[in-house]
PDB file of N, CA and C in Angstrom:
ATOM      1  N   ARG A   1       6.317  85.383  -8.927  1.00  0.00           N
ATOM      2  CA  ARG A   1       6.161  83.966  -9.220  1.00  0.00           C
ATOM      3  C   ARG A   1       6.779  83.631 -10.558  1.00  0.00           C
ATOM      4  N   ARG A   2       6.928  82.357 -10.768  1.00  0.00           N
ATOM      5  CA  ARG A   2       7.570  81.889 -11.994  1.00  0.00           C
ATOM      6  C   ARG A   2       6.753  80.765 -12.612  1.00  0.00           C
ATOM      7  N   ALA A   3       6.616  80.805 -13.917  1.00  0.00           N
ATOM      8  CA  ALA A   3       5.966  79.733 -14.665  1.00  0.00           C
ATOM      9  C   ALA A   3       6.884  79.377 -15.818  1.00  0.00           C
ATOM     10  N   GLU A   4       7.012  78.110 -16.079  1.00  0.00           N
ATOM     11  CA  GLU A   4       7.888  77.683 -17.175  1.00  0.00           C
ATOM     12  C   GLU A   4       7.256  76.532 -17.927  1.00  0.00           C
ATOM     13  N   GLY A   5       7.720  76.332 -19.134  1.00  0.00           N
ATOM     14  CA  GLY A   5       7.190  75.265 -19.966  1.00  0.00           C
ATOM     15  C   GLY A   5       8.081  75.017 -21.161  1.00  0.00           C
ATOM     16  N   VAL A   6       7.819  73.921 -21.808  1.00  0.00           N
ATOM     17  CA  VAL A   6       8.585  73.525 -22.989  1.00  0.00           C
ATOM     18  C   VAL A   6       7.588  73.072 -24.043  1.00  0.00           C
ATOM     19  N   GLN A   7       7.875  73.441 -25.272  1.00  0.00           N
ATOM     20  CA  GLN A   7       7.055  72.951 -26.371  1.00  0.00           C
ATOM     21  C   GLN A   7       7.987  72.417 -27.446  1.00  0.00           C
ATOM     22  N   GLU A   8       7.680  71.241 -27.926  1.00  0.00           N
ATOM     23  CA  GLU A   8       8.518  70.607 -28.941  1.00  0.00           C
ATOM     24  C   GLU A   8       7.761  70.515 -30.260  1.00  0.00           C
ATOM     25  N   ALA A   9       8.531  70.525 -31.322  1.00  0.00           N
ATOM     26  CA  ALA A   9       7.985  70.296 -32.656  1.00  0.00           C
ATOM     27  C   ALA A   9       9.049  69.547 -33.454  1.00  0.00           C
ATOM     28  N   ASP A  10       8.614  68.591 -34.219  1.00  0.00           N
ATOM     29  CA  ASP A  10       9.522  67.814 -35.069  1.00  0.00           C
ATOM     30  C   ASP A  10       9.296  68.204 -36.524  1.00  0.00           C
ATOM     31  N   VAL A  11      10.394  68.450 -37.226  1.00  0.00           N
ATOM     32  CA  VAL A  11      10.333  68.825 -38.638  1.00  0.00           C
ATOM     33  C   VAL A  11      10.888  67.665 -39.456  1.00  0.00           C
ATOM     34  N   TYR A  12      10.116  67.196 -40.417  1.00  0.00           N
ATOM     35  CA  TYR A  12      10.521  66.099 -41.287  1.00  0.00           C
ATOM     36  C   TYR A  12      10.757  66.640 -42.692  1.00  0.00           C
ATOM     37  N   PHE A  13      11.899  66.273 -43.260  1.00  0.00           N
ATOM     38  CA  PHE A  13      12.299  66.782 -44.565  1.00  0.00           C
ATOM     39  C   PHE A  13      12.274  65.699 -45.627  1.00  0.00           C
ATOM     40  N   ARG A  14      11.954  66.104 -46.841  1.00  0.00           N
ATOM     41  CA  ARG A  14      12.181  65.265 -48.015  1.00  0.00           C
ATOM     42  C   ARG A  14      13.674  65.369 -48.338  1.00  0.00           C
ATOM     43  N   PRO A  15      14.205  64.490 -49.164  1.00  0.00           N
ATOM     44  CA  PRO A  15      15.627  64.622 -49.532  1.00  0.00           C
ATOM     45  C   PRO A  15      15.908  66.002 -50.148  1.00  0.00           C
ATOM     46  N   LEU A  16      16.993  66.619 -49.694  1.00  0.00           N
ATOM     47  CA  LEU A  16      17.367  67.954 -50.178  1.00  0.00           C
ATOM     48  C   LEU A  16      18.086  67.858 -51.507  1.00  0.00           C
ATOM     49  N   GLU A  17      17.942  68.909 -52.295  1.00  0.00           N
ATOM     50  CA  GLU A  17      18.664  68.981 -53.564  1.00  0.00           C
ATOM     51  C   GLU A  17      20.149  69.172 -53.300  1.00  0.00           C
ATOM     52  N   GLU A  18      20.950  68.628 -54.177  1.00  0.00           N
ATOM     53  CA  GLU A  18      22.399  68.797 -54.109  1.00  0.00           C
ATOM     54  C   GLU A  18      22.745  70.287 -54.122  1.00  0.00           C
ATOM     55  N   GLY A  19      23.558  70.707 -53.195  1.00  0.00           N
ATOM     56  CA  GLY A  19      24.033  72.084 -53.164  1.00  0.00           C
ATOM     57  C   GLY A  19      23.139  73.073 -52.426  1.00  0.00           C
ATOM     58  N   LEU A  20      21.959  72.628 -51.962  1.00  0.00           N
ATOM     59  CA  LEU A  20      21.041  73.542 -51.296  1.00  0.00           C
ATOM     60  C   LEU A  20      21.647  74.118 -50.015  1.00  0.00           C
ATOM     61  N   ILE A  21      22.260  73.284 -49.206  1.00  0.00           N
ATOM     62  CA  ILE A  21      22.836  73.755 -47.938  1.00  0.00           C
ATOM     63  C   ILE A  21      23.917  74.787 -48.200  1.00  0.00           C
ATOM     64  N   GLU A  22      24.793  74.510 -49.143  1.00  0.00           N
ATOM     65  CA  GLU A  22      25.856  75.455 -49.475  1.00  0.00           C
ATOM     66  C   GLU A  22      25.273  76.775 -49.994  1.00  0.00           C
ATOM     67  N   GLU A  23      24.213  76.674 -50.784  1.00  0.00           N
ATOM     68  CA  GLU A  23      23.561  77.866 -51.324  1.00  0.00           C
ATOM     69  C   GLU A  23      22.969  78.719 -50.204  1.00  0.00           C
ATOM     70  N   LEU A  24      22.335  78.070 -49.226  1.00  0.00           N
ATOM     71  CA  LEU A  24      21.745  78.800 -48.095  1.00  0.00           C
ATOM     72  C   LEU A  24      22.826  79.453 -47.237  1.00  0.00           C
ATOM     73  N   ILE A  25      23.944  78.755 -47.048  1.00  0.00           N
ATOM     74  CA  ILE A  25      25.049  79.321 -46.281  1.00  0.00           C
ATOM     75  C   ILE A  25      25.627  80.536 -47.001  1.00  0.00           C
ATOM     76  N   GLU A  26      25.823  80.400 -48.308  1.00  0.00           N
ATOM     77  CA  GLU A  26      26.371  81.513 -49.083  1.00  0.00           C
ATOM     78  C   GLU A  26      25.435  82.723 -49.061  1.00  0.00           C
ATOM     79  N   GLU A  27      24.139  82.456 -49.137  1.00  0.00           N
ATOM     80  CA  GLU A  27      23.143  83.530 -49.090  1.00  0.00           C
ATOM     81  C   GLU A  27      23.199  84.284 -47.755  1.00  0.00           C
ATOM     82  N   GLY A  28      23.405  83.542 -46.667  1.00  0.00           N
ATOM     83  CA  GLY A  28      23.608  84.152 -45.355  1.00  0.00           C
ATOM     84  C   GLY A  28      22.391  84.376 -44.489  1.00  0.00           C
ATOM     85  N   THR A  29      21.182  84.306 -45.033  1.00  0.00           N
ATOM     86  CA  THR A  29      20.001  84.608 -44.210  1.00  0.00           C
ATOM     87  C   THR A  29      19.786  83.597 -43.088  1.00  0.00           C
ATOM     88  N   VAL A  30      20.273  82.377 -43.259  1.00  0.00           N
ATOM     89  CA  VAL A  30      20.096  81.363 -42.211  1.00  0.00           C
ATOM     90  C   VAL A  30      20.872  81.697 -40.936  1.00  0.00           C
ATOM     91  N   PHE A  31      21.823  82.613 -41.030  1.00  0.00           N
ATOM     92  CA  PHE A  31      22.602  82.985 -39.849  1.00  0.00           C
ATOM     93  C   PHE A  31      21.846  83.943 -38.939  1.00  0.00           C
ATOM     94  N   TRP A  32      20.681  84.396 -39.372  1.00  0.00           N
ATOM     95  CA  TRP A  32      19.905  85.351 -38.595  1.00  0.00           C
ATOM     96  C   TRP A  32      18.701  84.714 -37.916  1.00  0.00           C
ATOM     97  N   CYS A  33      18.719  83.397 -37.778  1.00  0.00           N
ATOM     98  CA  CYS A  33      17.609  82.725 -37.106  1.00  0.00           C
ATOM     99  C   CYS A  33      18.158  81.663 -36.156  1.00  0.00           C
ATOM    100  N   ALA A  34      17.381  81.338 -35.147  1.00  0.00           N
ATOM    101  CA  ALA A  34      17.801  80.360 -34.143  1.00  0.00           C
ATOM    102  C   ALA A  34      18.029  79.002 -34.794  1.00  0.00           C
ATOM    103  N   GLY A  35      19.183  78.432 -34.577  1.00  0.00           N
ATOM    104  CA  GLY A  35      19.479  77.112 -35.097  1.00  0.00           C
ATOM    105  C   GLY A  35      19.764  77.062 -36.587  1.00  0.00           C
ATOM    106  N   GLY A  36      19.703  78.195 -37.266  1.00  0.00           N
ATOM    107  CA  GLY A  36      19.988  78.227 -38.696  1.00  0.00           C
ATOM    108  C   GLY A  36      18.930  77.545 -39.545  1.00  0.00           C
ATOM    109  N   LEU A  37      17.729  77.364 -38.993  1.00  0.00           N
ATOM    110  CA  LEU A  37      16.660  76.698 -39.733  1.00  0.00           C
ATOM    111  C   LEU A  37      15.543  77.692 -40.010  1.00  0.00           C
ATOM    112  N   MET A  38      15.298  77.926 -41.268  1.00  0.00           N
ATOM    113  CA  MET A  38      14.202  78.818 -41.667  1.00  0.00           C
ATOM    114  C   MET A  38      13.199  78.001 -42.472  1.00  0.00           C
ATOM    115  N   VAL A  39      12.261  77.385 -41.782  1.00  0.00           N
ATOM    116  CA  VAL A  39      11.293  76.534 -42.479  1.00  0.00           C
ATOM    117  C   VAL A  39      10.427  77.330 -43.442  1.00  0.00           C
ATOM    118  N   GLU A  40      10.334  78.638 -43.233  1.00  0.00           N
ATOM    119  CA  GLU A  40       9.512  79.468 -44.114  1.00  0.00           C
ATOM    120  C   GLU A  40      10.296  80.004 -45.313  1.00  0.00           C
ATOM    121  N   HIS A  41      11.576  79.710 -45.386  1.00  0.00           N
ATOM    122  CA  HIS A  41      12.412  80.173 -46.497  1.00  0.00           C
ATOM    123  C   HIS A  41      11.920  79.528 -47.791  1.00  0.00           C
ATOM    124  N   PRO A  42      11.767  80.307 -48.857  1.00  0.00           N
ATOM    125  CA  PRO A  42      11.234  79.756 -50.112  1.00  0.00           C
ATOM    126  C   PRO A  42      12.065  78.624 -50.714  1.00  0.00           C
ATOM    127  N   LYS A  43      13.352  78.574 -50.381  1.00  0.00           N
ATOM    128  CA  LYS A  43      14.182  77.480 -50.901  1.00  0.00           C
ATOM    129  C   LYS A  43      14.129  76.245 -50.005  1.00  0.00           C
ATOM    130  N   VAL A  44      13.673  76.397 -48.769  1.00  0.00           N
ATOM    131  CA  VAL A  44      13.602  75.283 -47.809  1.00  0.00           C
ATOM    132  C   VAL A  44      12.200  74.691 -47.768  1.00  0.00           C
ATOM    133  N   GLU A  45      11.204  75.543 -47.813  1.00  0.00           N
ATOM    134  CA  GLU A  45       9.806  75.130 -47.658  1.00  0.00           C
ATOM    135  C   GLU A  45       9.387  73.957 -48.549  1.00  0.00           C
ATOM    136  N   PRO A  46       9.801  73.893 -49.807  1.00  0.00           N
ATOM    137  CA  PRO A  46       9.381  72.759 -50.647  1.00  0.00           C
ATOM    138  C   PRO A  46       9.886  71.399 -50.162  1.00  0.00           C
ATOM    139  N   PHE A  47      10.899  71.402 -49.313  1.00  0.00           N
ATOM    140  CA  PHE A  47      11.480  70.150 -48.846  1.00  0.00           C
ATOM    141  C   PHE A  47      10.934  69.702 -47.493  1.00  0.00           C
ATOM    142  N   ILE A  48      10.042  70.475 -46.926  1.00  0.00           N
ATOM    143  CA  ILE A  48       9.446  70.090 -45.652  1.00  0.00           C
ATOM    144  C   ILE A  48       8.281  69.153 -45.921  1.00  0.00           C
ATOM    145  N   GLU A  49       8.421  67.954 -45.409  1.00  0.00           N
ATOM    146  CA  GLU A  49       7.373  66.951 -45.583  1.00  0.00           C
ATOM    147  C   GLU A  49       6.224  67.222 -44.626  1.00  0.00           C
ATOM    148  N   ARG A  50       6.573  67.445 -43.344  1.00  0.00           N
ATOM    149  CA  ARG A  50       5.536  67.753 -42.352  1.00  0.00           C
ATOM    150  C   ARG A  50       6.187  68.295 -41.086  1.00  0.00           C
ATOM    151  N   ILE A  51       5.358  68.938 -40.291  1.00  0.00           N
ATOM    152  CA  ILE A  51       5.781  69.421 -38.983  1.00  0.00           C
ATOM    153  C   ILE A  51       4.802  68.851 -37.970  1.00  0.00           C
ATOM    154  N   ASP A  52       5.325  68.093 -37.021  1.00  0.00           N
ATOM    155  CA  ASP A  52       4.503  67.574 -35.926  1.00  0.00           C
ATOM    156  C   ASP A  52       4.674  68.527 -34.751  1.00  0.00           C
ATOM    157  N   GLY A  53       3.626  69.257 -34.443  1.00  0.00           N
ATOM    158  CA  GLY A  53       3.674  70.255 -33.387  1.00  0.00           C
ATOM    159  C   GLY A  53       3.287  71.606 -33.946  1.00  0.00           C
ATOM    160  N   GLU A  54       3.361  72.604 -33.093  1.00  0.00           N
ATOM    161  CA  GLU A  54       2.952  73.947 -33.495  1.00  0.00           C
ATOM    162  C   GLU A  54       4.034  74.612 -34.351  1.00  0.00           C
ATOM    163  N   PHE A  55       3.636  75.142 -35.484  1.00  0.00           N
ATOM    164  CA  PHE A  55       4.553  75.812 -36.407  1.00  0.00           C
ATOM    165  C   PHE A  55       5.312  76.932 -35.696  1.00  0.00           C
ATOM    166  N   ALA A  56       4.627  77.669 -34.836  1.00  0.00           N
ATOM    167  CA  ALA A  56       5.254  78.780 -34.111  1.00  0.00           C
ATOM    168  C   ALA A  56       6.388  78.292 -33.213  1.00  0.00           C
ATOM    169  N   ALA A  57       6.308  77.068 -32.731  1.00  0.00           N
ATOM    170  CA  ALA A  57       7.374  76.519 -31.894  1.00  0.00           C
ATOM    171  C   ALA A  57       8.651  76.307 -32.701  1.00  0.00           C
ATOM    172  N   VAL A  58       8.508  76.051 -33.987  1.00  0.00           N
ATOM    173  CA  VAL A  58       9.673  75.898 -34.858  1.00  0.00           C
ATOM    174  C   VAL A  58      10.289  77.266 -35.137  1.00  0.00           C
ATOM    175  N   LEU A  59       9.451  78.257 -35.319  1.00  0.00           N
ATOM    176  CA  LEU A  59       9.935  79.601 -35.622  1.00  0.00           C
ATOM    177  C   LEU A  59      10.594  80.264 -34.421  1.00  0.00           C
ATOM    178  N   GLY A  60      10.178  79.899 -33.234  1.00  0.00           N
ATOM    179  CA  GLY A  60      10.755  80.519 -32.038  1.00  0.00           C
ATOM    180  C   GLY A  60       9.814  80.425 -30.866  1.00  0.00           C
ATOM    181  N   LEU A  61       9.174  81.516 -30.531  1.00  0.00           N
ATOM    182  CA  LEU A  61       8.329  81.589 -29.355  1.00  0.00           C
ATOM    183  C   LEU A  61       6.891  81.223 -29.697  1.00  0.00           C
ATOM    184  N   SER A  62       6.423  80.164 -29.081  1.00  0.00           N
ATOM    185  CA  SER A  62       5.062  79.705 -29.311  1.00  0.00           C
ATOM    186  C   SER A  62       4.067  80.631 -28.622  1.00  0.00           C
ATOM    187  N   LYS A  63       3.133  81.163 -29.378  1.00  0.00           N
ATOM    188  CA  LYS A  63       2.108  82.038 -28.805  1.00  0.00           C
ATOM    189  C   LYS A  63       1.219  81.267 -27.832  1.00  0.00           C
ATOM    190  N   LYS A  64       0.907  80.034 -28.188  1.00  0.00           N
ATOM    191  CA  LYS A  64       0.049  79.197 -27.346  1.00  0.00           C
ATOM    192  C   LYS A  64       0.713  78.964 -25.983  1.00  0.00           C
ATOM    193  N   LEU A  65       1.967  78.576 -25.982  1.00  0.00           N
ATOM    194  CA  LEU A  65       2.679  78.327 -24.736  1.00  0.00           C
ATOM    195  C   LEU A  65       2.858  79.625 -23.952  1.00  0.00           C
ATOM    196  N   THR A  66       3.174  80.700 -24.635  1.00  0.00           N
ATOM    197  CA  THR A  66       3.348  81.991 -23.963  1.00  0.00           C
ATOM    198  C   THR A  66       2.068  82.401 -23.248  1.00  0.00           C
ATOM    199  N   ALA A  67       0.935  82.283 -23.910  1.00  0.00           N
ATOM    200  CA  ALA A  67      -0.348  82.631 -23.300  1.00  0.00           C
ATOM    201  C   ALA A  67      -0.622  81.749 -22.083  1.00  0.00           C
ATOM    202  N   GLU A  68      -0.315  80.467 -22.196  1.00  0.00           N
ATOM    203  CA  GLU A  68      -0.511  79.531 -21.076  1.00  0.00           C
ATOM    204  C   GLU A  68       0.359  79.927 -19.883  1.00  0.00           C
ATOM    205  N   LEU A  69       1.599  80.286 -20.133  1.00  0.00           N
ATOM    206  CA  LEU A  69       2.509  80.661 -19.049  1.00  0.00           C
ATOM    207  C   LEU A  69       2.093  81.978 -18.403  1.00  0.00           C
ATOM    208  N   ILE A  70       1.606  82.903 -19.190  1.00  0.00           N
ATOM    209  CA  ILE A  70       1.113  84.169 -18.631  1.00  0.00           C
ATOM    210  C   ILE A  70      -0.084  83.898 -17.723  1.00  0.00           C
ATOM    211  N   ARG A  71      -1.001  83.035 -18.185  1.00  0.00           N
ATOM    212  CA  ARG A  71      -2.167  82.677 -17.346  1.00  0.00           C
ATOM    213  C   ARG A  71      -1.711  82.054 -16.030  1.00  0.00           C
ATOM    214  N   LYS A  72      -0.743  81.131 -16.096  1.00  0.00           N
ATOM    215  CA  LYS A  72      -0.233  80.492 -14.872  1.00  0.00           C
ATOM    216  C   LYS A  72       0.397  81.515 -13.935  1.00  0.00           C
ATOM    217  N   ALA A  73       1.178  82.414 -14.487  1.00  0.00           N
ATOM    218  CA  ALA A  73       1.834  83.434 -13.671  1.00  0.00           C
ATOM    219  C   ALA A  73       0.799  84.337 -13.004  1.00  0.00           C
ATOM    220  N   LEU A  74      -0.254  84.691 -13.733  1.00  0.00           N
ATOM    221  CA  LEU A  74      -1.307  85.520 -13.159  1.00  0.00           C
ATOM    222  C   LEU A  74      -2.073  84.777 -12.077  1.00  0.00           C
ATOM    223  N   GLU A  75      -2.290  83.469 -12.256  1.00  0.00           N
ATOM    224  CA  GLU A  75      -2.952  82.655 -11.239  1.00  0.00           C
ATOM    225  C   GLU A  75      -2.108  82.630  -9.965  1.00  0.00           C
ATOM    226  N   PHE A  76      -0.786  82.476 -10.114  1.00  0.00           N
ATOM    227  CA  PHE A  76       0.116  82.455  -8.957  1.00  0.00           C
ATOM    228  C   PHE A  76       0.038  83.764  -8.201  1.00  0.00           C
ATOM    229  N   SER A  77       0.004  84.875  -8.923  1.00  0.00           N
ATOM    230  CA  SER A  77       0.018  86.168  -8.269  1.00  0.00           C
ATOM    231  C   SER A  77      -1.322  86.483  -7.606  1.00  0.00           C
ATOM    232  N   ALA A  78      -2.398  85.826  -8.049  1.00  0.00           N
ATOM    233  CA  ALA A  78      -3.702  86.049  -7.459  1.00  0.00           C
ATOM    234  C   ALA A  78      -3.867  85.281  -6.140  1.00  0.00           C
ATOM    235  N   GLU A  79      -3.012  84.307  -5.907  1.00  0.00           N
ATOM    236  CA  GLU A  79      -3.114  83.474  -4.682  1.00  0.00           C
ATOM    237  C   GLU A  79      -2.618  84.192  -3.464  1.00  0.00           C
TER     238      GLU A  79
END
């Protein structure tokens, strides 16, 4: 059986400091994450105003959604 789902999260930023994007690109760590966004990066975190949705959904795989999909898949297989 198959279970699927989508979880969204919106990230709102304060105005970024001049040169921050170039600095992050030069540093290179942003190239090792999905979408090049590291909300937990110490140079990015101060500019995050708020996150609407689950923080884990911004980082990648939401534990909440994963658990829900596993439960659904197990329910399907029990039928």
